[in-house]
Amino acid sequence: MHVWTLVNAARTPCARYVNQVLNFDVHAERTTRLGRVRQQTESSSKTATYCLLNPSLAVHSMYNSADAKEFQRLAITRLRLSSHNLA
């Protein structure tokens, strides 16, 4: 704790980063990102199609689950994004 007090008082880059992470507002960031995605629907047909398929822009439960293994998540993500080597 003594080291943190010294680092924080000196306003080092590490202390600024840790304070930024501690004060990060996930809900505000999500709202900002959703607004940007919705604005892009005017310029990108792919984004517009995605907004039609997923109007709430909800995150799939697979990405929040600890049950899915990493290689499974990657394979499904590649299929969803058409980033695969299948014919």
PDB file of N, CA and C in Angstrom:
ATOM      1  N   MET A   1       0.833  -1.188   0.000  1.00  0.00           N
ATOM      2  CA  MET A   1       0.000   0.000   0.000  1.00  0.00           C
ATOM      3  C   MET A   1       0.876   1.250   0.000  1.00  0.00           C
ATOM      4  N   HIS A   2       2.016   1.166   0.685  1.00  0.00           N
ATOM      5  CA  HIS A   2       2.936   2.302   0.728  1.00  0.00           C
ATOM      6  C   HIS A   2       3.447   2.636  -0.678  1.00  0.00           C
ATOM      7  N   VAL A   3       3.782   1.587  -1.435  1.00  0.00           N
ATOM      8  CA  VAL A   3       4.277   1.799  -2.804  1.00  0.00           C
ATOM      9  C   VAL A   3       3.181   2.437  -3.660  1.00  0.00           C
ATOM     10  N   TRP A   4       1.946   1.948  -3.533  1.00  0.00           N
ATOM     11  CA  TRP A   4       0.852   2.531  -4.309  1.00  0.00           C
ATOM     12  C   TRP A   4       0.658   3.999  -3.963  1.00  0.00           C
ATOM     13  N   THR A   5       0.767   4.340  -2.695  1.00  0.00           N
ATOM     14  CA  THR A   5       0.617   5.734  -2.273  1.00  0.00           C
ATOM     15  C   THR A   5       1.678   6.606  -2.927  1.00  0.00           C
ATOM     16  N   LEU A   6       2.916   6.119  -2.963  1.00  0.00           N
ATOM     17  CA  LEU A   6       4.007   6.884  -3.584  1.00  0.00           C
ATOM     18  C   LEU A   6       3.801   7.012  -5.100  1.00  0.00           C
ATOM     19  N   VAL A   7       3.452   5.920  -5.726  1.00  0.00           N
ATOM     20  CA  VAL A   7       3.268   5.920  -7.190  1.00  0.00           C
ATOM     21  C   VAL A   7       2.090   6.804  -7.577  1.00  0.00           C
ATOM     22  N   ASN A   8       1.026   6.724  -6.828  1.00  0.00           N
ATOM     23  CA  ASN A   8      -0.162   7.513  -7.114  1.00  0.00           C
ATOM     24  C   ASN A   8       0.107   9.003  -6.888  1.00  0.00           C
ATOM     25  N   ALA A   9       0.843   9.316  -5.837  1.00  0.00           N
ATOM     26  CA  ALA A   9       1.167  10.714  -5.547  1.00  0.00           C
ATOM     27  C   ALA A   9       2.079  11.305  -6.623  1.00  0.00           C
ATOM     28  N   ALA A  10       2.938  10.480  -7.200  1.00  0.00           N
ATOM     29  CA  ALA A  10       3.861  10.942  -8.238  1.00  0.00           C
ATOM     30  C   ALA A  10       3.186  11.024  -9.609  1.00  0.00           C
ATOM     31  N   ARG A  11       1.938  10.546  -9.711  1.00  0.00           N
ATOM     32  CA  ARG A  11       1.176  10.563 -10.960  1.00  0.00           C
ATOM     33  C   ARG A  11       1.947   9.896 -12.099  1.00  0.00           C
ATOM     34  N   THR A  12       2.503   8.724 -11.822  1.00  0.00           N
ATOM     35  CA  THR A  12       3.240   7.985 -12.840  1.00  0.00           C
ATOM     36  C   THR A  12       2.265   7.437 -13.879  1.00  0.00           C
ATOM     37  N   PRO A  13       2.775   7.062 -15.063  1.00  0.00           N
ATOM     38  CA  PRO A  13       1.892   6.486 -16.082  1.00  0.00           C
ATOM     39  C   PRO A  13       1.153   5.248 -15.577  1.00  0.00           C
ATOM     40  N   CYS A  14       1.826   4.442 -14.786  1.00  0.00           N
ATOM     41  CA  CYS A  14       1.185   3.241 -14.242  1.00  0.00           C
ATOM     42  C   CYS A  14       0.018   3.632 -13.334  1.00  0.00           C
ATOM     43  N   ALA A  15       0.209   4.605 -12.495  1.00  0.00           N
ATOM     44  CA  ALA A  15      -0.851   5.038 -11.579  1.00  0.00           C
ATOM     45  C   ALA A  15      -2.025   5.626 -12.358  1.00  0.00           C
ATOM     46  N   ARG A  16      -1.736   6.392 -13.414  1.00  0.00           N
ATOM     47  CA  ARG A  16      -2.813   6.956 -14.231  1.00  0.00           C
ATOM     48  C   ARG A  16      -3.608   5.849 -14.904  1.00  0.00           C
ATOM     49  N   TYR A  17      -2.902   4.835 -15.402  1.00  0.00           N
ATOM     50  CA  TYR A  17      -3.584   3.716 -16.057  1.00  0.00           C
ATOM     51  C   TYR A  17      -4.457   2.955 -15.067  1.00  0.00           C
ATOM     52  N   VAL A  18      -3.930   2.651 -13.893  1.00  0.00           N
ATOM     53  CA  VAL A  18      -4.699   1.917 -12.889  1.00  0.00           C
ATOM     54  C   VAL A  18      -5.922   2.722 -12.469  1.00  0.00           C
ATOM     55  N   ASN A  19      -5.772   4.012 -12.287  1.00  0.00           N
ATOM     56  CA  ASN A  19      -6.922   4.851 -11.927  1.00  0.00           C
ATOM     57  C   ASN A  19      -7.959   4.879 -13.046  1.00  0.00           C
ATOM     58  N   GLN A  20      -7.489   4.900 -14.286  1.00  0.00           N
ATOM     59  CA  GLN A  20      -8.408   4.884 -15.428  1.00  0.00           C
ATOM     60  C   GLN A  20      -9.189   3.567 -15.465  1.00  0.00           C
ATOM     61  N   VAL A  21      -8.510   2.460 -15.206  1.00  0.00           N
ATOM     62  CA  VAL A  21      -9.188   1.156 -15.202  1.00  0.00           C
ATOM     63  C   VAL A  21     -10.186   1.086 -14.052  1.00  0.00           C
ATOM     64  N   LEU A  22      -9.803   1.585 -12.894  1.00  0.00           N
ATOM     65  CA  LEU A  22     -10.695   1.545 -11.734  1.00  0.00           C
ATOM     66  C   LEU A  22     -11.940   2.409 -11.934  1.00  0.00           C
ATOM     67  N   ASN A  23     -11.816   3.497 -12.681  1.00  0.00           N
ATOM     68  CA  ASN A  23     -12.932   4.427 -12.875  1.00  0.00           C
ATOM     69  C   ASN A  23     -13.671   4.218 -14.196  1.00  0.00           C
ATOM     70  N   PHE A  24     -13.349   3.145 -14.916  1.00  0.00           N
ATOM     71  CA  PHE A  24     -13.953   2.875 -16.223  1.00  0.00           C
ATOM     72  C   PHE A  24     -15.426   2.540 -16.057  1.00  0.00           C
ATOM     73  N   ASP A  25     -16.269   3.197 -16.841  1.00  0.00           N
ATOM     74  CA  ASP A  25     -17.709   2.967 -16.791  1.00  0.00           C
ATOM     75  C   ASP A  25     -18.110   2.101 -17.988  1.00  0.00           C
ATOM     76  N   VAL A  26     -18.349   0.826 -17.742  1.00  0.00           N
ATOM     77  CA  VAL A  26     -18.660  -0.121 -18.804  1.00  0.00           C
ATOM     78  C   VAL A  26     -19.959   0.248 -19.518  1.00  0.00           C
ATOM     79  N   HIS A  27     -20.953   0.653 -18.774  1.00  0.00           N
ATOM     80  CA  HIS A  27     -22.254   0.962 -19.379  1.00  0.00           C
ATOM     81  C   HIS A  27     -22.178   2.195 -20.279  1.00  0.00           C
ATOM     82  N   ALA A  28     -21.438   3.205 -19.863  1.00  0.00           N
ATOM     83  CA  ALA A  28     -21.290   4.400 -20.699  1.00  0.00           C
ATOM     84  C   ALA A  28     -20.528   4.071 -21.978  1.00  0.00           C
ATOM     85  N   GLU A  29     -19.500   3.243 -21.867  1.00  0.00           N
ATOM     86  CA  GLU A  29     -18.727   2.845 -23.050  1.00  0.00           C
ATOM     87  C   GLU A  29     -19.599   2.043 -24.014  1.00  0.00           C
ATOM     88  N   ARG A  30     -20.417   1.145 -23.501  1.00  0.00           N
ATOM     89  CA  ARG A  30     -21.295   0.341 -24.352  1.00  0.00           C
ATOM     90  C   ARG A  30     -22.310   1.228 -25.073  1.00  0.00           C
ATOM     91  N   THR A  31     -22.858   2.183 -24.361  1.00  0.00           N
ATOM     92  CA  THR A  31     -23.820   3.103 -24.967  1.00  0.00           C
ATOM     93  C   THR A  31     -23.163   3.910 -26.085  1.00  0.00           C
ATOM     94  N   THR A  32     -21.950   4.370 -25.849  1.00  0.00           N
ATOM     95  CA  THR A  32     -21.206   5.130 -26.862  1.00  0.00           C
ATOM     96  C   THR A  32     -20.940   4.271 -28.090  1.00  0.00           C
ATOM     97  N   ARG A  33     -20.501   3.032 -27.871  1.00  0.00           N
ATOM     98  CA  ARG A  33     -20.216   2.140 -28.995  1.00  0.00           C
ATOM     99  C   ARG A  33     -21.473   1.812 -29.783  1.00  0.00           C
ATOM    100  N   LEU A  34     -22.575   1.556 -29.091  1.00  0.00           N
ATOM    101  CA  LEU A  34     -23.826   1.258 -29.791  1.00  0.00           C
ATOM    102  C   LEU A  34     -24.267   2.440 -30.644  1.00  0.00           C
ATOM    103  N   GLY A  35     -24.069   3.642 -30.135  1.00  0.00           N
ATOM    104  CA  GLY A  35     -24.404   4.835 -30.916  1.00  0.00           C
ATOM    105  C   GLY A  35     -23.564   4.936 -32.178  1.00  0.00           C
ATOM    106  N   ARG A  36     -22.265   4.629 -32.053  1.00  0.00           N
ATOM    107  CA  ARG A  36     -21.384   4.673 -33.222  1.00  0.00           C
ATOM    108  C   ARG A  36     -21.765   3.616 -34.243  1.00  0.00           C
ATOM    109  N   VAL A  37     -22.136   2.423 -33.780  1.00  0.00           N
ATOM    110  CA  VAL A  37     -22.534   1.359 -34.703  1.00  0.00           C
ATOM    111  C   VAL A  37     -23.797   1.759 -35.439  1.00  0.00           C
ATOM    112  N   ARG A  38     -24.743   2.323 -34.730  1.00  0.00           N
ATOM    113  CA  ARG A  38     -25.997   2.735 -35.371  1.00  0.00           C
ATOM    114  C   ARG A  38     -25.764   3.860 -36.390  1.00  0.00           C
ATOM    115  N   GLN A  39     -24.793   4.734 -36.143  1.00  0.00           N
ATOM    116  CA  GLN A  39     -24.477   5.792 -37.101  1.00  0.00           C
ATOM    117  C   GLN A  39     -23.843   5.219 -38.358  1.00  0.00           C
ATOM    118  N   GLN A  40     -23.112   4.120 -38.230  1.00  0.00           N
ATOM    119  CA  GLN A  40     -22.444   3.520 -39.379  1.00  0.00           C
ATOM    120  C   GLN A  40     -23.419   2.819 -40.317  1.00  0.00           C
ATOM    121  N   THR A  41     -24.637   2.589 -39.875  1.00  0.00           N
ATOM    122  CA  THR A  41     -25.595   1.889 -40.741  1.00  0.00           C
ATOM    123  C   THR A  41     -25.883   2.674 -42.007  1.00  0.00           C
ATOM    124  N   GLU A  42     -25.657   3.978 -41.964  1.00  0.00           N
ATOM    125  CA  GLU A  42     -25.900   4.794 -43.147  1.00  0.00           C
ATOM    126  C   GLU A  42     -24.816   4.594 -44.201  1.00  0.00           C
ATOM    127  N   SER A  43     -23.589   4.239 -43.771  1.00  0.00           N
ATOM    128  CA  SER A  43     -22.480   4.139 -44.714  1.00  0.00           C
ATOM    129  C   SER A  43     -22.073   2.705 -45.018  1.00  0.00           C
ATOM    130  N   SER A  44     -22.544   1.750 -44.260  1.00  0.00           N
ATOM    131  CA  SER A  44     -22.114   0.369 -44.460  1.00  0.00           C
ATOM    132  C   SER A  44     -23.320  -0.555 -44.545  1.00  0.00           C
ATOM    133  N   SER A  45     -23.440  -1.250 -45.656  1.00  0.00           N
ATOM    134  CA  SER A  45     -24.574  -2.157 -45.795  1.00  0.00           C
ATOM    135  C   SER A  45     -24.423  -3.371 -44.883  1.00  0.00           C
ATOM    136  N   LYS A  46     -23.179  -3.777 -44.600  1.00  0.00           N
ATOM    137  CA  LYS A  46     -22.957  -4.908 -43.713  1.00  0.00           C
ATOM    138  C   LYS A  46     -23.415  -4.569 -42.295  1.00  0.00           C
ATOM    139  N   THR A  47     -23.120  -3.364 -41.851  1.00  0.00           N
ATOM    140  CA  THR A  47     -23.550  -2.941 -40.517  1.00  0.00           C
ATOM    141  C   THR A  47     -25.061  -2.796 -40.464  1.00  0.00           C
ATOM    142  N   ALA A  48     -25.654  -2.281 -41.514  1.00  0.00           N
ATOM    143  CA  ALA A  48     -27.113  -2.135 -41.562  1.00  0.00           C
ATOM    144  C   ALA A  48     -27.784  -3.500 -41.499  1.00  0.00           C
ATOM    145  N   THR A  49     -27.232  -4.475 -42.220  1.00  0.00           N
ATOM    146  CA  THR A  49     -27.790  -5.824 -42.184  1.00  0.00           C
ATOM    147  C   THR A  49     -27.675  -6.405 -40.788  1.00  0.00           C
ATOM    148  N   TYR A  50     -26.517  -6.200 -40.144  1.00  0.00           N
ATOM    149  CA  TYR A  50     -26.337  -6.719 -38.787  1.00  0.00           C
ATOM    150  C   TYR A  50     -27.341  -6.087 -37.825  1.00  0.00           C
ATOM    151  N   CYS A  51     -27.593  -4.807 -37.968  1.00  0.00           N
ATOM    152  CA  CYS A  51     -28.566  -4.136 -37.097  1.00  0.00           C
ATOM    153  C   CYS A  51     -29.976  -4.647 -37.338  1.00  0.00           C
ATOM    154  N   LEU A  52     -30.276  -5.081 -38.561  1.00  0.00           N
ATOM    155  CA  LEU A  52     -31.586  -5.679 -38.830  1.00  0.00           C
ATOM    156  C   LEU A  52     -31.701  -7.063 -38.186  1.00  0.00           C
ATOM    157  N   LEU A  53     -30.607  -7.831 -38.225  1.00  0.00           N
ATOM    158  CA  LEU A  53     -30.618  -9.173 -37.653  1.00  0.00           C
ATOM    159  C   LEU A  53     -30.567  -9.159 -36.129  1.00  0.00           C
ATOM    160  N   ASN A  54     -29.892  -8.169 -35.578  1.00  0.00           N
ATOM    161  CA  ASN A  54     -29.718  -8.073 -34.127  1.00  0.00           C
ATOM    162  C   ASN A  54     -30.027  -6.642 -33.692  1.00  0.00           C
ATOM    163  N   PRO A  55     -31.305  -6.249 -33.663  1.00  0.00           N
ATOM    164  CA  PRO A  55     -31.663  -4.848 -33.407  1.00  0.00           C
ATOM    165  C   PRO A  55     -31.229  -4.329 -32.037  1.00  0.00           C
ATOM    166  N   SER A  56     -31.151  -5.213 -31.050  1.00  0.00           N
ATOM    167  CA  SER A  56     -30.721  -4.749 -29.726  1.00  0.00           C
ATOM    168  C   SER A  56     -29.207  -4.733 -29.598  1.00  0.00           C
ATOM    169  N   LEU A  57     -28.502  -5.245 -30.618  1.00  0.00           N
ATOM    170  CA  LEU A  57     -27.047  -5.368 -30.618  1.00  0.00           C
ATOM    171  C   LEU A  57     -26.561  -6.091 -29.364  1.00  0.00           C
ATOM    172  N   ALA A  58     -27.279  -7.144 -29.015  1.00  0.00           N
ATOM    173  CA  ALA A  58     -26.940  -7.933 -27.830  1.00  0.00           C
ATOM    174  C   ALA A  58     -25.728  -8.816 -28.107  1.00  0.00           C
ATOM    175  N   VAL A  59     -24.938  -9.050 -27.078  1.00  0.00           N
ATOM    176  CA  VAL A  59     -23.765  -9.913 -27.166  1.00  0.00           C
ATOM    177  C   VAL A  59     -24.223 -11.348 -26.929  1.00  0.00           C
ATOM    178  N   HIS A  60     -23.750 -12.258 -27.740  1.00  0.00           N
ATOM    179  CA  HIS A  60     -24.128 -13.658 -27.597  1.00  0.00           C
ATOM    180  C   HIS A  60     -23.631 -14.179 -26.250  1.00  0.00           C
ATOM    181  N   SER A  61     -24.432 -15.035 -25.612  1.00  0.00           N
ATOM    182  CA  SER A  61     -24.091 -15.542 -24.276  1.00  0.00           C
ATOM    183  C   SER A  61     -22.805 -16.362 -24.275  1.00  0.00           C
ATOM    184  N   MET A  62     -22.410 -16.885 -25.424  1.00  0.00           N
ATOM    185  CA  MET A  62     -21.188 -17.668 -25.526  1.00  0.00           C
ATOM    186  C   MET A  62     -19.961 -16.850 -25.097  1.00  0.00           C
ATOM    187  N   TYR A  63     -19.971 -15.560 -25.373  1.00  0.00           N
ATOM    188  CA  TYR A  63     -18.817 -14.725 -25.071  1.00  0.00           C
ATOM    189  C   TYR A  63     -18.705 -14.400 -23.581  1.00  0.00           C
ATOM    190  N   ASN A  64     -19.785 -14.581 -22.838  1.00  0.00           N
ATOM    191  CA  ASN A  64     -19.761 -14.327 -21.402  1.00  0.00           C
ATOM    192  C   ASN A  64     -19.678 -15.602 -20.582  1.00  0.00           C
ATOM    193  N   SER A  65     -19.730 -16.751 -21.239  1.00  0.00           N
ATOM    194  CA  SER A  65     -19.759 -18.032 -20.549  1.00  0.00           C
ATOM    195  C   SER A  65     -18.353 -18.584 -20.355  1.00  0.00           C
ATOM    196  N   ALA A  66     -18.114 -19.137 -19.192  1.00  0.00           N
ATOM    197  CA  ALA A  66     -16.828 -19.787 -18.922  1.00  0.00           C
ATOM    198  C   ALA A  66     -16.846 -21.230 -19.414  1.00  0.00           C
ATOM    199  N   ASP A  67     -18.021 -21.742 -19.832  1.00  0.00           N
ATOM    200  CA  ASP A  67     -18.140 -23.129 -20.287  1.00  0.00           C
ATOM    201  C   ASP A  67     -17.541 -23.345 -21.675  1.00  0.00           C
ATOM    202  N   ALA A  68     -17.614 -22.335 -22.525  1.00  0.00           N
ATOM    203  CA  ALA A  68     -17.111 -22.474 -23.892  1.00  0.00           C
ATOM    204  C   ALA A  68     -15.591 -22.422 -23.891  1.00  0.00           C
ATOM    205  N   LYS A  69     -15.000 -23.401 -24.575  1.00  0.00           N
ATOM    206  CA  LYS A  69     -13.542 -23.421 -24.689  1.00  0.00           C
ATOM    207  C   LYS A  69     -13.111 -22.404 -25.739  1.00  0.00           C
ATOM    208  N   GLU A  70     -11.900 -21.910 -25.610  1.00  0.00           N
ATOM    209  CA  GLU A  70     -11.407 -20.857 -26.498  1.00  0.00           C
ATOM    210  C   GLU A  70     -11.430 -21.287 -27.962  1.00  0.00           C
ATOM    211  N   PHE A  71     -10.986 -22.501 -28.264  1.00  0.00           N
ATOM    212  CA  PHE A  71     -10.947 -22.930 -29.666  1.00  0.00           C
ATOM    213  C   PHE A  71     -12.363 -23.048 -30.240  1.00  0.00           C
ATOM    214  N   GLN A  72     -13.344 -23.420 -29.406  1.00  0.00           N
ATOM    215  CA  GLN A  72     -14.726 -23.483 -29.870  1.00  0.00           C
ATOM    216  C   GLN A  72     -15.268 -22.083 -30.157  1.00  0.00           C
ATOM    217  N   ARG A  73     -14.963 -21.159 -29.265  1.00  0.00           N
ATOM    218  CA  ARG A  73     -15.417 -19.778 -29.452  1.00  0.00           C
ATOM    219  C   ARG A  73     -14.822 -19.193 -30.720  1.00  0.00           C
ATOM    220  N   LEU A  74     -13.539 -19.467 -30.965  1.00  0.00           N
ATOM    221  CA  LEU A  74     -12.886 -18.952 -32.176  1.00  0.00           C
ATOM    222  C   LEU A  74     -13.517 -19.540 -33.438  1.00  0.00           C
ATOM    223  N   ALA A  75     -13.780 -20.855 -33.421  1.00  0.00           N
ATOM    224  CA  ALA A  75     -14.373 -21.501 -34.597  1.00  0.00           C
ATOM    225  C   ALA A  75     -15.756 -20.932 -34.893  1.00  0.00           C
ATOM    226  N   ILE A  76     -16.572 -20.766 -33.875  1.00  0.00           N
ATOM    227  CA  ILE A  76     -17.922 -20.231 -34.079  1.00  0.00           C
ATOM    228  C   ILE A  76     -17.863 -18.783 -34.540  1.00  0.00           C
ATOM    229  N   THR A  77     -16.946 -18.014 -33.972  1.00  0.00           N
ATOM    230  CA  THR A  77     -16.798 -16.617 -34.377  1.00  0.00           C
ATOM    231  C   THR A  77     -16.384 -16.522 -35.836  1.00  0.00           C
ATOM    232  N   ARG A  78     -15.475 -17.393 -36.276  1.00  0.00           N
ATOM    233  CA  ARG A  78     -15.071 -17.393 -37.687  1.00  0.00           C
ATOM    234  C   ARG A  78     -16.244 -17.715 -38.600  1.00  0.00           C
ATOM    235  N   LEU A  79     -17.077 -18.667 -38.190  1.00  0.00           N
ATOM    236  CA  LEU A  79     -18.256 -18.991 -38.994  1.00  0.00           C
ATOM    237  C   LEU A  79     -19.219 -17.814 -39.063  1.00  0.00           C
ATOM    238  N   ARG A  80     -19.450 -17.182 -37.923  1.00  0.00           N
ATOM    239  CA  ARG A  80     -20.389 -16.057 -37.883  1.00  0.00           C
ATOM    240  C   ARG A  80     -19.907 -14.881 -38.719  1.00  0.00           C
ATOM    241  N   LEU A  81     -18.587 -14.681 -38.787  1.00  0.00           N
ATOM    242  CA  LEU A  81     -18.031 -13.552 -39.528  1.00  0.00           C
ATOM    243  C   LEU A  81     -17.643 -13.901 -40.964  1.00  0.00           C
ATOM    244  N   SER A  82     -17.923 -15.137 -41.367  1.00  0.00           N
ATOM    245  CA  SER A  82     -17.527 -15.629 -42.702  1.00  0.00           C
ATOM    246  C   SER A  82     -16.026 -15.489 -42.912  1.00  0.00           C
ATOM    247  N   SER A  83     -15.273 -15.764 -41.884  1.00  0.00           N
ATOM    248  CA  SER A  83     -13.816 -15.688 -41.940  1.00  0.00           C
ATOM    249  C   SER A  83     -13.242 -17.099 -41.816  1.00  0.00           C
ATOM    250  N   HIS A  84     -13.724 -17.992 -42.665  1.00  0.00           N
ATOM    251  CA  HIS A  84     -13.309 -19.393 -42.597  1.00  0.00           C
ATOM    252  C   HIS A  84     -12.826 -19.847 -43.959  1.00  0.00           C
ATOM    253  N   ASN A  85     -12.268 -21.059 -44.007  1.00  0.00           N
ATOM    254  CA  ASN A  85     -11.737 -21.607 -45.260  1.00  0.00           C
ATOM    255  C   ASN A  85     -12.696 -22.611 -45.896  1.00  0.00           C
ATOM    256  N   LEU A  86     -13.948 -22.595 -45.491  1.00  0.00           N
ATOM    257  CA  LEU A  86     -14.913 -23.512 -46.070  1.00  0.00           C
ATOM    258  C   LEU A  86     -15.351 -23.020 -47.459  1.00  0.00           C
ATOM    259  N   ALA A  87     -15.738 -23.949 -48.293  1.00  0.00           N
ATOM    260  CA  ALA A  87     -16.146 -23.591 -49.650  1.00  0.00           C
ATOM    261  C   ALA A  87     -17.440 -22.802 -49.631  1.00  0.00           C
TER     262      ALA A  87
END
